Amino acid sequence: MDDVDFDELVASLTLREENQAIKSYQNTVAVACPACEARFDDLVVCKENPTSLNLSKQLDLCVGSADGQAVLFTHKK
């Protein structure tokens, strides 16, 4: 994700949840995933190390990092 402007990417998304462990954004404008170039559904920023995620559905994930934090791009199946 070195060539991706993370702040610009996040500015295009809608904040859905923020707590001590994560920050979650919804992709409401069909931004392309920087890893696979397909539209992604949500972006999850892991603020704590380690962080546990409880996923309620099966998802494909693309993973990157920004500012030393893991970022997950979810793709609903």
Protein backbone atom coordinates (compact mmCIF):
# COMPACT_ATOMS: atom_id res chain seq x y z
CA MET A 1 0.00 0.00 0.00
CA ASP A 2 3.01 2.26 -0.29
CA ASP A 3 1.66 3.84 -3.47
CA VAL A 4 -1.86 4.41 -2.02
CA ASP A 5 -2.80 7.70 -0.34
CA PHE A 6 -4.47 6.14 2.71
CA ASP A 7 -5.91 9.43 4.00
CA GLU A 8 -7.51 10.11 0.61
CA LEU A 9 -8.90 6.56 0.51
CA VAL A 10 -10.45 6.85 3.99
CA ALA A 11 -11.91 10.27 3.14
CA SER A 12 -13.98 8.54 0.43
CA LEU A 13 -15.50 6.03 2.88
CA THR A 14 -18.25 6.23 5.53
CA LEU A 15 -17.21 5.65 9.17
CA ARG A 16 -19.42 2.92 10.68
CA GLU A 17 -17.78 1.93 13.96
CA GLU A 18 -14.90 2.97 16.14
CA ASN A 19 -13.81 1.43 19.42
CA GLN A 20 -10.56 0.79 21.25
CA ALA A 21 -9.55 -2.10 18.97
CA ILE A 22 -10.81 -1.21 15.48
CA LYS A 23 -12.12 1.46 13.17
CA SER A 24 -14.57 0.27 10.48
CA TYR A 25 -15.57 2.08 7.28
CA GLN A 26 -18.18 1.19 4.67
CA ASN A 27 -17.39 1.63 0.99
CA THR A 28 -20.54 3.43 -0.20
CA VAL A 29 -19.01 4.89 -3.38
CA ALA A 30 -17.52 1.74 -5.01
CA VAL A 31 -13.82 2.50 -4.40
CA ALA A 32 -11.49 -0.17 -5.79
CA CYS A 33 -9.41 -2.31 -3.43
CA PRO A 34 -5.73 -1.35 -3.66
CA ALA A 35 -4.71 -5.04 -3.46
CA CYS A 36 -6.98 -6.72 -6.02
CA GLU A 37 -8.60 -3.72 -7.76
CA ALA A 38 -12.15 -5.10 -7.24
CA ARG A 39 -14.74 -3.09 -5.34
CA PHE A 40 -14.49 -3.81 -1.61
CA ASP A 41 -17.31 -3.64 0.95
CA ASP A 42 -15.65 -2.53 4.18
CA LEU A 43 -12.28 -1.35 5.43
CA VAL A 44 -11.24 -2.40 8.94
CA VAL A 45 -8.28 -0.68 10.59
CA CYS A 46 -6.80 -2.67 13.49
CA LYS A 47 -5.76 -0.17 16.16
CA GLU A 48 -4.46 -2.67 18.73
CA ASN A 49 -1.89 -5.40 18.33
CA PRO A 50 -3.08 -8.11 18.53
CA THR A 51 -6.72 -7.59 17.59
CA SER A 52 -9.41 -10.25 17.38
CA LEU A 53 -12.26 -9.92 14.89
CA ASN A 54 -15.56 -11.76 15.19
CA LEU A 55 -16.88 -12.03 11.65
CA SER A 56 -20.58 -12.74 11.24
CA LYS A 57 -20.29 -13.89 7.61
CA GLN A 58 -17.80 -15.52 5.29
CA LEU A 59 -15.63 -12.92 3.56
CA ASP A 60 -12.69 -12.73 1.23
CA LEU A 61 -10.01 -10.46 2.69
CA CYS A 62 -7.23 -8.36 1.22
CA VAL A 63 -4.65 -7.18 3.77
CA GLY A 64 -2.27 -4.26 3.91
CA SER A 65 -0.79 -1.81 6.38
CA ALA A 66 -0.91 1.94 6.84
CA ASP A 67 0.88 3.99 9.48
CA GLY A 68 2.01 0.77 11.19
CA GLN A 69 -1.55 -0.57 11.53
CA ALA A 70 -3.04 -3.60 9.77
CA VAL A 71 -5.87 -2.78 7.37
CA LEU A 72 -8.35 -5.33 6.01
CA PHE A 73 -10.44 -4.86 2.88
CA THR A 74 -13.49 -7.14 3.00
CA HIS A 75 -15.21 -8.63 -0.03
CA LYS A 76 -18.59 -10.29 0.61
CA LYS A 77 -19.01 -13.64 -1.13
